[in-house]
Amino acid sequence: MSTTKRSTRLSDGRDLIYFDDAGSALPAERKADRRDPAPRPAVAQMRLDSLTGDWISVAAARHNRAFLPPAHLCPLCPSNDENLSEIPDIFDVAVFENKSPSFGPDLAEVDDENYAVEPALALGSTRASIGRCEVVVFSPEHLGSLSSQPLHRVRTIIDAWADRTEQLSALPGIRQVFPFENRGQEIGVTLHHPHGQIYSYPYVPPRTLKLLASIEAYGPDLFADTLAFEQAGERVLIKGEHFTAYVPFAGRWPIEIHLLPHRHVQNLAQLSDDERDELADMYSRLLKALDTIYDTPTPYISAWHQAPLVAGGEHVRLQLQITSPRRAADKLKYLAGSESAMGAFIADFPPEVTAELLRGSL
């Protein structure tokens, strides 16, 4: 059996996709959205920082998004008579277009590779923030987390990420598809319901541009050599048949985990069934370890770095990076002067210490 995908639309025309677990008992037909259609906000504007070349999306509509609502008004729980939410019916995993996106819902009229390229870095340059932003809801249950989901549900979530990566990558003007999860109020989460997001950017983000420059300087074997280097070190957390998870040699954060596939794949959509099975198990183990290091759950950002859809992207390997600012049970690392102003990180303790801490919870 495999994950079943069912597509529909919300009352305002936004896409909603249900991903049912393998063997799910949920019905094929789902209730329609009972809310009145509402206009969507205008597409945000990107502004160019000519000193760095970075694009900044000014998405004012996001200011009005839901902020820590009570459980009975959660917009990610299945709808009921008292709470007409974003998801009209029961589900296993659900994905829908963000109501107030940072990018989109408009797309490029053509697949223009130069859409967000400004060679002269002209002052005052702007573009429409085209693209697509989606919300991935991990469970119909309001309480819990991704780490508390059964293994078959984690596998469904991976299938959902893979499907959306493939579909979003095919949209005109998209340059990189980025699934991620923000976990914990300390990170800035505004909804407690277990969920993540997917951003589809109309440009190559700064972090990926630096990676492409590193590959150009080192050579196309950068990922293969990095994996071999880390596997030979003392910071390996889990080594499976298809993936290795480790604390990186030059970790920036108090808690930082990287995971690489042994085979060169560019994104989640390219993983085989066997690779997805192992990834579900390994990812679940890593998240459970984060939740058992201390007496309370650890806040984190889980980021799936995939290959950009530009020249040179073929040398980029899929990579998971999990980072947390938690440096002790009751302390957080704040990005102060050096990190925030200069981008120059100072680690609080050696990555080998982090690896030992995490291995004790696996």
Protein backbone atom coordinates (compact mmCIF):
# COMPACT_ATOMS: atom_id res chain seq x y z
CA MET A 1 0.00 0.00 0.00
CA SER A 2 1.07 3.60 -0.56
CA THR A 3 0.03 7.12 0.33
CA THR A 4 -3.13 8.32 -1.45
CA LYS A 5 -3.35 11.88 -2.75
CA ARG A 6 -6.72 13.67 -3.05
CA SER A 7 -6.89 17.21 -4.45
CA THR A 8 -9.66 19.78 -3.99
CA ARG A 9 -10.09 23.54 -3.52
CA LEU A 10 -11.10 25.81 -0.69
CA SER A 11 -13.94 28.34 -1.03
CA ASP A 12 -11.57 31.11 -2.16
CA GLY A 13 -9.95 28.92 -4.83
CA ARG A 14 -6.81 27.91 -2.93
CA ASP A 15 -5.51 24.39 -3.45
CA LEU A 16 -6.05 21.83 -0.69
CA ILE A 17 -4.48 18.38 -0.97
CA TYR A 18 -5.16 15.46 1.34
CA PHE A 19 -2.47 12.81 1.75
CA ASP A 20 -4.00 9.69 3.30
CA ASP A 21 -1.82 7.18 5.12
CA ALA A 22 -1.20 3.83 3.46
CA GLY A 23 -4.20 1.70 4.42
CA SER A 24 -6.13 4.70 5.79
CA ALA A 25 -9.81 4.12 6.59
CA LEU A 26 -10.75 7.69 5.67
CA PRO A 27 -13.43 8.08 2.96
CA ALA A 28 -12.52 9.11 -0.56
CA GLU A 29 -15.06 11.95 -0.56
CA ARG A 30 -14.44 14.89 1.79
CA LYS A 31 -16.72 17.72 2.86
CA ALA A 32 -16.55 21.01 0.97
CA ASP A 33 -15.36 24.26 2.52
CA ARG A 34 -18.46 25.91 4.04
CA ARG A 35 -16.92 29.37 4.41
CA ASP A 36 -17.94 32.24 2.18
CA PRO A 37 -15.38 33.04 -0.52
CA ALA A 38 -13.01 35.82 0.53
CA PRO A 39 -10.59 37.88 -1.56
CA ARG A 40 -6.91 37.06 -1.25
CA PRO A 41 -4.40 39.77 -0.35
CA ALA A 42 -2.35 41.47 -3.02
CA VAL A 43 0.94 39.84 -4.00
CA ALA A 44 3.78 41.15 -1.85
CA GLN A 45 6.60 43.25 -3.24
CA MET A 46 10.27 42.26 -3.30
CA ARG A 47 12.80 45.03 -2.80
CA LEU A 48 16.48 44.73 -3.65
CA ASP A 49 19.12 45.48 -1.03
CA SER A 50 21.76 46.84 -3.39
CA LEU A 51 24.51 46.52 -0.73
CA THR A 52 24.16 42.74 -0.49
CA GLY A 53 22.15 41.73 -3.56
CA ASP A 54 19.48 40.19 -1.29
CA TRP A 55 15.79 40.36 -2.13
CA ILE A 56 13.48 41.31 0.76
CA SER A 57 9.81 40.40 0.44
CA VAL A 58 7.56 43.02 2.05
CA ALA A 59 4.48 40.94 2.88
CA ALA A 60 2.34 43.24 5.00
CA ALA A 61 -0.72 40.91 4.86
CA ARG A 62 1.14 38.42 7.08
CA HIS A 63 0.91 40.87 9.96
CA ASN A 64 -2.74 39.86 10.45
CA ARG A 65 -2.21 36.09 10.54
CA ALA A 66 -3.50 34.02 13.46
CA PHE A 67 -1.42 34.30 16.63
CA LEU A 68 -1.64 31.48 19.21
CA PRO A 69 -5.46 31.08 19.06
CA PRO A 70 -7.24 28.89 21.66
CA ALA A 71 -7.52 25.23 20.75
CA HIS A 72 -11.23 25.41 19.91
CA LEU A 73 -10.48 28.06 17.26
CA CYS A 74 -7.40 26.45 15.74
CA PRO A 75 -7.34 27.03 11.95
CA LEU A 76 -5.49 23.74 11.37
CA CYS A 77 -7.89 21.36 13.13
CA PRO A 78 -10.61 19.67 11.05
CA SER A 79 -13.66 21.92 10.69
CA ASN A 80 -16.70 21.59 12.91
CA ASP A 81 -19.87 23.65 13.38
CA GLU A 82 -18.17 25.98 15.87
CA ASN A 83 -14.88 26.33 13.98
CA LEU A 84 -14.84 26.52 10.19
CA SER A 85 -11.12 26.05 9.74
CA GLU A 86 -8.72 25.88 6.79
CA ILE A 87 -9.37 22.13 6.49
CA PRO A 88 -13.06 21.26 5.91
CA ASP A 89 -12.95 17.57 6.88
CA ILE A 90 -11.04 14.88 8.72
CA PHE A 91 -7.56 14.06 7.37
CA ASP A 92 -4.27 12.29 7.98
CA VAL A 93 -1.95 14.88 6.42
CA ALA A 94 -3.20 18.01 4.66
CA VAL A 95 -1.45 20.61 2.50
CA PHE A 96 -3.01 23.92 1.48
CA GLU A 97 -1.97 27.24 -0.01
CA ASN A 98 -1.15 29.81 2.64
CA LYS A 99 -3.90 32.41 3.00
CA SER A 100 -1.39 35.27 3.41
CA PRO A 101 1.74 34.10 1.62
CA SER A 102 5.17 35.70 1.54
CA PHE A 103 5.44 34.62 -2.11
CA GLY A 104 2.53 34.24 -4.53
CA PRO A 105 -0.12 33.25 -5.31
CA ASP A 106 0.79 34.77 -8.70
CA LEU A 107 3.42 33.02 -10.79
CA ALA A 108 5.67 34.15 -13.58
CA GLU A 109 3.89 34.35 -16.92
CA VAL A 110 6.79 32.43 -18.42
CA ASP A 111 9.68 30.50 -16.91
CA ASP A 112 11.94 33.56 -16.92
CA GLU A 113 15.39 32.74 -15.49
CA ASN A 114 16.18 36.45 -15.25
CA TYR A 115 13.08 37.43 -13.28
CA ALA A 116 14.93 38.26 -10.05
CA VAL A 117 18.33 39.03 -11.57
CA GLU A 118 19.50 42.63 -11.28
CA PRO A 119 23.10 42.70 -12.58
CA ALA A 120 23.62 46.41 -11.92
CA LEU A 121 22.08 46.20 -8.42
CA ALA A 122 20.14 49.33 -9.31
CA LEU A 123 18.90 51.34 -6.34
CA GLY A 124 15.15 51.05 -5.84
CA SER A 125 14.75 47.81 -7.82
CA THR A 126 11.50 45.93 -7.13
CA ARG A 127 9.74 42.78 -8.31
CA ALA A 128 6.41 41.18 -7.46
CA SER A 129 6.87 38.40 -4.89
CA ILE A 130 5.66 35.65 -7.18
CA GLY A 131 5.90 32.03 -6.08
CA ARG A 132 3.93 29.71 -3.83
CA CYS A 133 3.70 29.18 -0.07
CA GLU A 134 1.97 26.13 1.38
CA VAL A 135 1.16 24.85 4.86
CA VAL A 136 1.71 21.15 5.66
CA VAL A 137 -0.41 19.89 8.58
CA PHE A 138 1.08 16.76 10.12
CA SER A 139 -1.94 15.48 12.05
CA PRO A 140 -5.62 16.22 12.76
CA GLU A 141 -4.78 16.23 16.49
CA HIS A 142 -4.25 19.70 17.93
CA LEU A 143 -1.64 18.63 20.47
CA GLY A 144 1.59 16.79 19.75
CA SER A 145 4.47 17.27 17.36
CA LEU A 146 6.07 15.61 14.37
CA SER A 147 8.19 13.55 16.77
CA SER A 148 5.04 12.16 18.40
CA GLN A 149 3.59 10.89 15.12
CA PRO A 150 3.64 7.14 14.40
CA LEU A 151 6.21 5.97 11.88
CA HIS A 152 3.65 5.42 9.12
CA ARG A 153 2.52 9.06 9.49
CA VAL A 154 6.09 10.34 9.20
CA ARG A 155 6.33 8.33 5.98
CA THR A 156 3.14 9.99 4.70
CA ILE A 157 4.59 13.41 5.50
CA ILE A 158 7.74 12.58 3.53
CA ASP A 159 5.57 11.50 0.60
CA ALA A 160 3.69 14.80 0.85
CA TRP A 161 6.94 16.80 0.83
CA ALA A 162 8.19 14.80 -2.15
CA ASP A 163 4.96 15.31 -4.10
CA ARG A 164 4.87 19.03 -3.43
CA THR A 165 8.57 19.39 -4.31
CA GLU A 166 7.94 17.78 -7.69
CA GLN A 167 4.78 19.80 -8.40
CA LEU A 168 6.09 23.15 -7.18
CA SER A 169 9.40 22.76 -9.01
CA ALA A 170 7.44 22.58 -12.26
CA LEU A 171 5.74 25.95 -11.76
CA PRO A 172 7.02 28.82 -13.94
CA GLY A 173 9.52 31.12 -12.26
CA ILE A 174 10.29 28.89 -9.26
CA ARG A 175 14.00 28.68 -8.42
CA GLN A 176 14.05 26.70 -5.17
CA VAL A 177 11.53 24.67 -3.13
CA PHE A 178 12.13 24.72 0.62
CA PRO A 179 10.13 22.53 3.07
CA PHE A 180 10.70 23.43 6.71
CA GLU A 181 9.26 23.22 10.20
CA ASN A 182 9.48 25.82 12.96
CA ARG A 183 8.93 24.13 16.32
CA GLY A 184 8.31 26.00 19.60
CA GLN A 185 7.31 29.49 20.65
CA GLU A 186 10.99 30.28 21.24
CA ILE A 187 11.45 29.96 17.46
CA GLY A 188 8.45 32.19 16.76
CA VAL A 189 5.71 29.64 16.10
CA THR A 190 2.26 31.27 16.04
CA LEU A 191 0.17 28.06 15.89
CA HIS A 192 0.61 25.16 18.31
CA HIS A 193 -0.92 22.57 15.96
CA PRO A 194 1.85 20.34 14.51
CA HIS A 195 2.62 21.70 11.06
CA GLY A 196 5.33 22.92 8.71
CA GLN A 197 5.54 25.03 5.59
CA ILE A 198 6.92 24.99 2.06
CA TYR A 199 8.28 28.13 0.40
CA SER A 200 8.80 28.21 -3.36
CA TYR A 201 11.12 31.13 -4.11
CA PRO A 202 11.36 33.09 -7.39
CA TYR A 203 15.10 33.54 -6.79
CA VAL A 204 17.99 31.55 -5.33
CA PRO A 205 18.18 32.47 -1.59
CA PRO A 206 21.45 33.81 -0.12
CA ARG A 207 22.37 30.61 1.74
CA THR A 208 22.13 28.58 -1.47
CA LEU A 209 24.10 31.16 -3.45
CA LYS A 210 26.96 30.73 -0.97
CA LEU A 211 26.72 26.97 -1.36
CA LEU A 212 26.90 27.24 -5.15
CA ALA A 213 29.98 29.44 -4.79
CA SER A 214 31.60 26.84 -2.50
CA ILE A 215 30.92 24.07 -5.02
CA GLU A 216 32.42 26.20 -7.79
CA ALA A 217 35.53 26.80 -5.68
CA TYR A 218 35.93 23.19 -4.43
CA GLY A 219 34.54 21.13 -7.29
CA PRO A 220 31.45 19.02 -7.98
CA ASP A 221 32.42 16.37 -5.38
CA LEU A 222 31.94 18.71 -2.42
CA PHE A 223 28.96 16.82 -0.99
CA ALA A 224 30.44 13.35 -1.55
CA ASP A 225 33.71 14.40 0.09
CA THR A 226 31.91 16.15 2.96
CA LEU A 227 29.90 13.00 3.67
CA ALA A 228 33.04 10.83 3.68
CA PHE A 229 34.81 13.31 5.98
CA GLU A 230 31.91 13.38 8.46
CA GLN A 231 31.45 9.59 8.40
CA ALA A 232 35.11 9.20 9.39
CA GLY A 233 34.73 11.58 12.33
CA GLU A 234 33.51 11.28 15.92
CA ARG A 235 30.29 13.23 15.46
CA VAL A 236 28.18 10.60 13.65
CA LEU A 237 24.78 10.07 15.27
CA ILE A 238 23.19 7.43 13.03
CA LYS A 239 24.61 5.69 9.97
CA GLY A 240 22.10 3.69 7.96
CA GLU A 241 22.11 1.98 4.61
CA HIS A 242 20.98 5.09 2.76
CA PHE A 243 21.59 8.08 5.09
CA THR A 244 24.04 9.37 7.68
CA ALA A 245 23.10 11.86 10.41
CA TYR A 246 25.86 13.77 12.19
CA VAL A 247 26.76 16.94 14.03
CA PRO A 248 28.77 19.02 11.52
CA PHE A 249 32.44 19.78 12.04
CA ALA A 250 31.78 23.53 11.99
CA GLY A 251 28.34 23.61 13.65
CA ARG A 252 27.13 27.12 14.43
CA TRP A 253 24.30 26.38 16.84
CA PRO A 254 24.29 24.83 20.33
CA ILE A 255 22.34 21.94 18.77
CA GLU A 256 22.88 21.26 15.08
CA ILE A 257 22.21 18.06 13.13
CA HIS A 258 22.87 17.45 9.45
CA LEU A 259 21.68 14.46 7.43
CA LEU A 260 22.88 13.46 3.97
CA PRO A 261 21.80 10.68 1.62
CA HIS A 262 24.57 8.31 0.53
CA ARG A 263 23.33 8.52 -3.07
CA HIS A 264 23.46 11.82 -4.91
CA VAL A 265 19.85 12.94 -5.10
CA GLN A 266 18.87 16.57 -5.53
CA ASN A 267 15.54 16.58 -3.72
CA LEU A 268 12.98 14.55 -1.80
CA ALA A 269 11.07 13.62 -4.94
CA GLN A 270 14.06 11.62 -6.21
CA LEU A 271 14.19 9.29 -3.19
CA SER A 272 13.25 5.64 -3.69
CA ASP A 273 10.68 3.86 -1.53
CA ASP A 274 13.43 2.13 0.46
CA GLU A 275 15.19 5.45 1.03
CA ARG A 276 11.95 7.07 2.18
CA ASP A 277 11.32 4.20 4.60
CA GLU A 278 14.75 4.58 6.19
CA LEU A 279 14.45 8.37 6.23
CA ALA A 280 11.13 8.20 8.08
CA ASP A 281 12.68 6.02 10.78
CA MET A 282 15.88 8.05 11.09
CA TYR A 283 14.11 11.42 11.08
CA SER A 284 11.67 10.23 13.76
CA ARG A 285 14.56 9.03 15.94
CA LEU A 286 16.39 12.33 15.62
CA LEU A 287 13.34 14.39 16.57
CA LYS A 288 12.57 12.12 19.53
CA ALA A 289 16.15 12.58 20.72
CA LEU A 290 15.71 16.36 20.65
CA ASP A 291 12.63 15.99 22.84
CA THR A 292 14.40 13.84 25.45
CA ILE A 293 17.66 15.77 25.94
CA TYR A 294 15.96 17.91 28.57
CA ASP A 295 12.75 17.66 30.62
CA THR A 296 10.88 19.88 28.14
CA PRO A 297 10.73 19.71 24.31
CA THR A 298 13.55 21.46 22.47
CA PRO A 299 12.64 24.24 20.02
CA TYR A 300 14.16 23.82 16.57
CA ILE A 301 14.11 24.69 12.90
CA SER A 302 14.10 21.69 10.59
CA ALA A 303 15.19 22.73 7.09
CA TRP A 304 15.21 20.57 3.96
CA HIS A 305 17.79 22.08 1.63
CA GLN A 306 17.14 20.95 -1.93
CA ALA A 307 18.91 21.71 -5.19
CA PRO A 308 18.04 25.04 -6.80
CA LEU A 309 16.57 25.01 -10.29
CA VAL A 310 19.49 26.86 -11.90
CA ALA A 311 22.79 26.02 -13.58
CA GLY A 312 25.07 24.36 -11.02
CA GLY A 313 22.13 23.00 -9.05
CA GLU A 314 22.83 19.52 -10.40
CA HIS A 315 25.83 19.35 -8.03
CA VAL A 316 23.72 20.13 -4.92
CA ARG A 317 22.66 17.14 -2.82
CA LEU A 318 19.52 16.97 -0.70
CA GLN A 319 20.40 17.84 2.90
CA LEU A 320 18.47 18.09 6.16
CA GLN A 321 19.69 20.64 8.69
CA ILE A 322 18.10 20.80 12.16
CA THR A 323 19.20 23.68 14.38
CA SER A 324 18.21 24.79 17.86
CA PRO A 325 19.23 27.86 19.90
CA ARG A 326 18.89 25.88 23.15
CA ARG A 327 22.28 25.85 24.87
CA ALA A 328 21.08 24.50 28.25
CA ALA A 329 17.86 23.40 29.90
CA ASP A 330 17.00 27.00 30.80
CA LYS A 331 19.15 29.01 28.35
CA LEU A 332 18.87 30.06 24.71
CA LYS A 333 21.51 31.37 22.34
CA TYR A 334 20.48 34.78 21.05
CA LEU A 335 21.97 36.09 17.83
CA ALA A 336 23.55 39.24 19.15
CA GLY A 337 26.15 41.59 17.65
CA SER A 338 28.59 39.30 15.82
CA GLU A 339 26.01 36.82 14.52
CA SER A 340 23.22 39.24 13.61
CA ALA A 341 25.25 42.20 12.40
CA MET A 342 28.20 40.43 10.76
CA GLY A 343 26.99 36.87 10.17
CA ALA A 344 30.04 35.66 12.10
CA PHE A 345 29.00 32.84 14.45
CA ILE A 346 30.74 31.99 17.70
CA ALA A 347 29.93 28.46 18.91
CA ASP A 348 29.21 28.02 22.62
CA PHE A 349 30.92 24.62 22.81
CA PRO A 350 32.59 22.11 20.46
CA PRO A 351 30.31 20.15 18.11
CA GLU A 352 31.78 16.95 19.56
CA VAL A 353 30.09 17.81 22.87
CA THR A 354 26.77 18.25 21.07
CA ALA A 355 27.18 14.88 19.36
CA GLU A 356 27.81 13.16 22.68
CA LEU A 357 24.74 14.84 24.19
CA LEU A 358 22.52 13.73 21.31
CA ARG A 359 23.83 10.16 21.20
CA GLY A 360 22.82 9.82 24.84
CA SER A 361 19.19 10.44 23.82
CA LEU A 362 19.04 8.24 20.72
